[in-house]
C-alpha atoms as a PDB file:
ATOM      1  CA  MET A   1       5.827  18.805  -7.650  1.00  0.00           C
ATOM      2  CA  HIS A   2       8.595  18.500 -10.193  1.00  0.00           C
ATOM      3  CA  VAL A   3       9.134  14.810  -9.339  1.00  0.00           C
ATOM      4  CA  ARG A   4       6.805  11.940 -10.179  1.00  0.00           C
ATOM      5  CA  LYS A   5       6.778   8.207  -9.511  1.00  0.00           C
ATOM      6  CA  ASP A   6       9.288   6.177 -11.599  1.00  0.00           C
ATOM      7  CA  ASP A   7      11.479   9.236 -12.360  1.00  0.00           C
ATOM      8  CA  THR A   8      15.242   8.722 -12.086  1.00  0.00           C
ATOM      9  CA  VAL A   9      16.722  11.320  -9.756  1.00  0.00           C
ATOM     10  CA  LEU A  10      20.128  12.429  -8.461  1.00  0.00           C
ATOM     11  CA  ILE A  11      20.531  13.184  -4.739  1.00  0.00           C
ATOM     12  CA  LEU A  12      21.987  16.682  -4.229  1.00  0.00           C
ATOM     13  CA  SER A  13      22.497  16.805  -0.460  1.00  0.00           C
ATOM     14  CA  GLY A  14      22.761  14.642   2.619  1.00  0.00           C
ATOM     15  CA  ASN A  15      24.647  11.434   3.352  1.00  0.00           C
ATOM     16  CA  ASP A  16      23.596   9.890   0.024  1.00  0.00           C
ATOM     17  CA  ARG A  17      24.762  12.833  -2.117  1.00  0.00           C
ATOM     18  CA  GLY A  18      25.711  11.772  -5.644  1.00  0.00           C
ATOM     19  CA  LYS A  19      23.624   8.590  -5.712  1.00  0.00           C
ATOM     20  CA  GLN A  20      20.966   7.974  -8.342  1.00  0.00           C
ATOM     21  CA  GLY A  21      17.743   6.091  -7.827  1.00  0.00           C
ATOM     22  CA  ARG A  22      14.183   5.566  -8.993  1.00  0.00           C
ATOM     23  CA  VAL A  23      11.308   7.296  -7.199  1.00  0.00           C
ATOM     24  CA  LEU A  24       9.104   4.687  -5.508  1.00  0.00           C
ATOM     25  CA  LYS A  25       6.509   6.901  -3.821  1.00  0.00           C
ATOM     26  CA  VAL A  26       5.590  10.600  -3.761  1.00  0.00           C
ATOM     27  CA  PHE A  27       3.971  12.525  -0.896  1.00  0.00           C
ATOM     28  CA  PRO A  28       2.956  15.877  -2.479  1.00  0.00           C
ATOM     29  CA  ASP A  29       1.291  17.281   0.654  1.00  0.00           C
ATOM     30  CA  LYS A  30       4.544  16.889   2.633  1.00  0.00           C
ATOM     31  CA  ASN A  31       6.860  17.591  -0.352  1.00  0.00           C
ATOM     32  CA  ARG A  32       8.723  14.328   0.301  1.00  0.00           C
ATOM     33  CA  ILE A  33       9.644  11.309  -1.817  1.00  0.00           C
ATOM     34  CA  ILE A  34      10.943   7.769  -1.278  1.00  0.00           C
ATOM     35  CA  ILE A  35      13.836   6.718  -3.523  1.00  0.00           C
ATOM     36  CA  GLU A  36      14.901   3.135  -4.185  1.00  0.00           C
ATOM     37  CA  GLY A  37      18.123   2.224  -2.376  1.00  0.00           C
ATOM     38  CA  VAL A  38      18.586   5.593  -0.638  1.00  0.00           C
ATOM     39  CA  ARG A  39      18.337   6.610   3.052  1.00  0.00           C
ATOM     40  CA  PHE A  40      17.789   3.310   4.788  1.00  0.00           C
ATOM     41  CA  ILE A  41      16.389   3.268   8.310  1.00  0.00           C
ATOM     42  CA  LYS A  42      16.176   0.331  10.721  1.00  0.00           C
ATOM     43  CA  ARG A  43      12.781  -0.491  12.197  1.00  0.00           C
ATOM     44  CA  HIS A  44      12.525  -2.891  15.138  1.00  0.00           C
ATOM     45  CA  THR A  45       9.402  -5.010  14.639  1.00  0.00           C
ATOM     46  CA  LYS A  46       7.547  -7.590  16.695  1.00  0.00           C
ATOM     47  CA  PRO A  47       6.612 -10.917  15.109  1.00  0.00           C
ATOM     48  CA  SER A  48       3.277 -10.682  13.258  1.00  0.00           C
ATOM     49  CA  THR A  49       1.352 -12.515  10.575  1.00  0.00           C
ATOM     50  CA  LYS A  50       3.192 -10.550   7.878  1.00  0.00           C
ATOM     51  CA  ASN A  51       6.634 -10.892   9.417  1.00  0.00           C
ATOM     52  CA  GLN A  52       6.810 -14.227  11.281  1.00  0.00           C
ATOM     53  CA  SER A  53      10.305 -13.773  12.683  1.00  0.00           C
ATOM     54  CA  GLY A  54      10.192 -10.080  13.598  1.00  0.00           C
ATOM     55  CA  GLY A  55      13.544  -8.429  14.261  1.00  0.00           C
ATOM     56  CA  ILE A  56      15.256  -5.488  12.590  1.00  0.00           C
ATOM     57  CA  VAL A  57      13.850  -4.496   9.188  1.00  0.00           C
ATOM     58  CA  GLU A  58      15.668  -2.054   6.892  1.00  0.00           C
ATOM     59  CA  LYS A  59      13.584   0.108   4.585  1.00  0.00           C
ATOM     60  CA  GLU A  60      13.813   3.397   2.695  1.00  0.00           C
ATOM     61  CA  ALA A  61      12.749   6.606   4.413  1.00  0.00           C
ATOM     62  CA  PRO A  62      11.375   9.718   2.689  1.00  0.00           C
ATOM     63  CA  ILE A  63      13.583  12.704   1.815  1.00  0.00           C
ATOM     64  CA  ASN A  64      12.650  16.218   0.809  1.00  0.00           C
ATOM     65  CA  ALA A  65      11.911  16.654  -2.901  1.00  0.00           C
ATOM     66  CA  SER A  66      14.000  19.842  -3.026  1.00  0.00           C
ATOM     67  CA  ASN A  67      17.136  17.749  -2.418  1.00  0.00           C
ATOM     68  CA  VAL A  68      16.874  15.877  -5.732  1.00  0.00           C
ATOM     69  CA  MET A  69      17.260  16.712  -9.406  1.00  0.00           C
ATOM     70  CA  ILE A  70      15.687  14.748 -12.245  1.00  0.00           C
ATOM     71  CA  VAL A  71      18.054  12.873 -14.574  1.00  0.00           C
ATOM     72  CA  CYS A  72      17.084  13.215 -18.253  1.00  0.00           C
ATOM     73  CA  SER A  73      16.557   9.886 -20.010  1.00  0.00           C
ATOM     74  CA  LYS A  74      17.858  11.209 -23.340  1.00  0.00           C
ATOM     75  CA  CYS A  75      21.011  13.163 -22.426  1.00  0.00           C
ATOM     76  CA  GLY A  76      21.656  11.404 -19.081  1.00  0.00           C
ATOM     77  CA  GLU A  77      22.382  14.696 -17.297  1.00  0.00           C
ATOM     78  CA  PRO A  78      20.749  15.986 -14.104  1.00  0.00           C
ATOM     79  CA  THR A  79      18.505  18.813 -15.202  1.00  0.00           C
ATOM     80  CA  ARG A  80      15.832  21.262 -14.200  1.00  0.00           C
ATOM     81  CA  ILE A  81      12.329  20.877 -15.559  1.00  0.00           C
ATOM     82  CA  LYS A  82      10.425  23.373 -17.653  1.00  0.00           C
ATOM     83  CA  ARG A  83       6.700  23.083 -18.084  1.00  0.00           C
ATOM     84  CA  ARG A  84       5.259  23.493 -21.572  1.00  0.00           C
ATOM     85  CA  GLU A  85       1.764  23.519 -22.961  1.00  0.00           C
ATOM     86  CA  ILE A  86       1.230  21.559 -26.133  1.00  0.00           C
ATOM     87  CA  THR A  87      -1.963  22.294 -28.004  1.00  0.00           C
ATOM     88  CA  GLU A  88      -3.363  19.658 -30.289  1.00  0.00           C
ATOM     89  CA  GLU A  89      -6.794  20.060 -31.856  1.00  0.00           C
ATOM     90  CA  GLY A  90      -7.823  22.661 -29.290  1.00  0.00           C
ATOM     91  CA  HIS A  91      -6.710  20.641 -26.245  1.00  0.00           C
ATOM     92  CA  LYS A  92      -3.954  21.813 -23.912  1.00  0.00           C
ATOM     93  CA  HIS A  93      -1.562  19.240 -22.480  1.00  0.00           C
ATOM     94  CA  HIS A  94       0.857  20.218 -19.728  1.00  0.00           C
ATOM     95  CA  THR A  95       4.181  18.433 -20.186  1.00  0.00           C
ATOM     96  CA  ARG A  96       7.539  18.426 -18.441  1.00  0.00           C
ATOM     97  CA  ALA A  97      10.650  18.925 -20.554  1.00  0.00           C
ATOM     98  CA  CYS A  98      14.410  18.883 -20.012  1.00  0.00           C
ATOM     99  CA  VAL A  99      15.932  22.372 -19.962  1.00  0.00           C
ATOM    100  CA  LYS A 100      19.163  21.184 -21.599  1.00  0.00           C
ATOM    101  CA  CYS A 101      17.979  19.022 -24.516  1.00  0.00           C
ATOM    102  CA  GLY A 102      14.204  19.621 -24.687  1.00  0.00           C
ATOM    103  CA  GLU A 103      13.236  15.947 -24.191  1.00  0.00           C
ATOM    104  CA  VAL A 104       9.618  15.586 -22.990  1.00  0.00           C
ATOM    105  CA  PHE A 105       9.064  13.407 -19.907  1.00  0.00           C
END
């Protein structure tokens, strides 16, 4: 996946288009991610030991990873990711880099 936990992303489609947020959780097998402050759903819960009062709880729901674009920390622009191999002392390291400015994530 091109998105990892703690990346800052821009939402490209849906009701939250144009919003930015931090990735909280990644589900690579389903190609979905949860973003902080985006796509809230309401869950009706019974009282339990965790939630004494019960009631309606709002939380973030997952969205498809193809609907987001990573925001570069250096240039601040939404960008695609290119994968590069850096070789140091015979070891290969796979890194992600910004297409526009070349900043390594």
